[in-house]
Amino acid sequence: MTTNGQRVAIVTGASKGIGRAIALRLAKDGIAVVVNYATSREAADTVVAEIEAGGGRAVAVQADAGLPSAAADLFDAAEKSFGGVDILVNNAGIMKLAPLAEMDDASFEKHIAVNLTGTFRGIREAGRRLRDGGRIINFSSSVVGVYGPTYGAYAASKAGVEAMTHVASRELGRRGITVNTVAPGPVETDMFMTGKSDELVQRIVGTIPLARLGQPDEIASVVAFLASPDGGWVNGQVLRANGGMI
């Protein structure tokens, strides 16, 4: 921990949506936060300002999860600003929907680069630099299991994240580091809503027993539990926070 005993978290893709909610929640819980963004500097600065206004500590750091240097750059920034890292939340991701027969190579490879390889590099860097007793919290999706049309590339990348979670939990457990994945169902974010008609959204809602979309704060609460001492006995798991859809 830092000299003042405060834990430190890196949250990738934290300028908006679920990542923003996670950063704010962890800060509320007394954790210093590295707010990562790829392109939305202004949005990331707003998250930092909100955290600081509440008495927390945060810094915005640019890094594209799809690039080889991103994970090391984020750990470097966290160590420089706060002295080390206790929690890594691999939240950054992309989702471009298309039937497999119509998807081009570049789009497929981008899903793998950001969603899967980006998470791999985060886990690898955490395995080398996360403090003992730390937490790695990855992000999958409840489309793994549903496997709906047009989700082929996205689901494939997230299924890989789940596989790495199980392996990493066994590799890092002796250091007291837990590795888990949160797999949300449909959550009301720009990423989910973009390109969907009201009719399609309502059809999706109809598949959820709780009959509504999830909210970013609800996913952040799951992450907060896994990051807390209360989550210390949960390891190698995929938590499908999805209103019961599968």
Foldseek 3Di string as FASTA:
>chain_A
DFPVPAAEEEQAPLLFFLNVLLQQVVLVVRHEYEREDAPCPVSSVVSQVVSVVVVGHYDYDYDQLLDLCRQVRSQVVCCVVGNAHFEYELDDAAFDFDAPVPDDPVVLVSRQSRLAVSLVSNLVVCLVTHAQLGEYEYEAAPCQVVVDGRRVSNNVRRVNVLVVQLVSLVVRVVSLYAGEYEHEYAEPTCRRPPPDDPVRQQVSLVLAPVSDHHYSNVSSVVVVCCRDPVNSVDHSYYHYHYNHSD
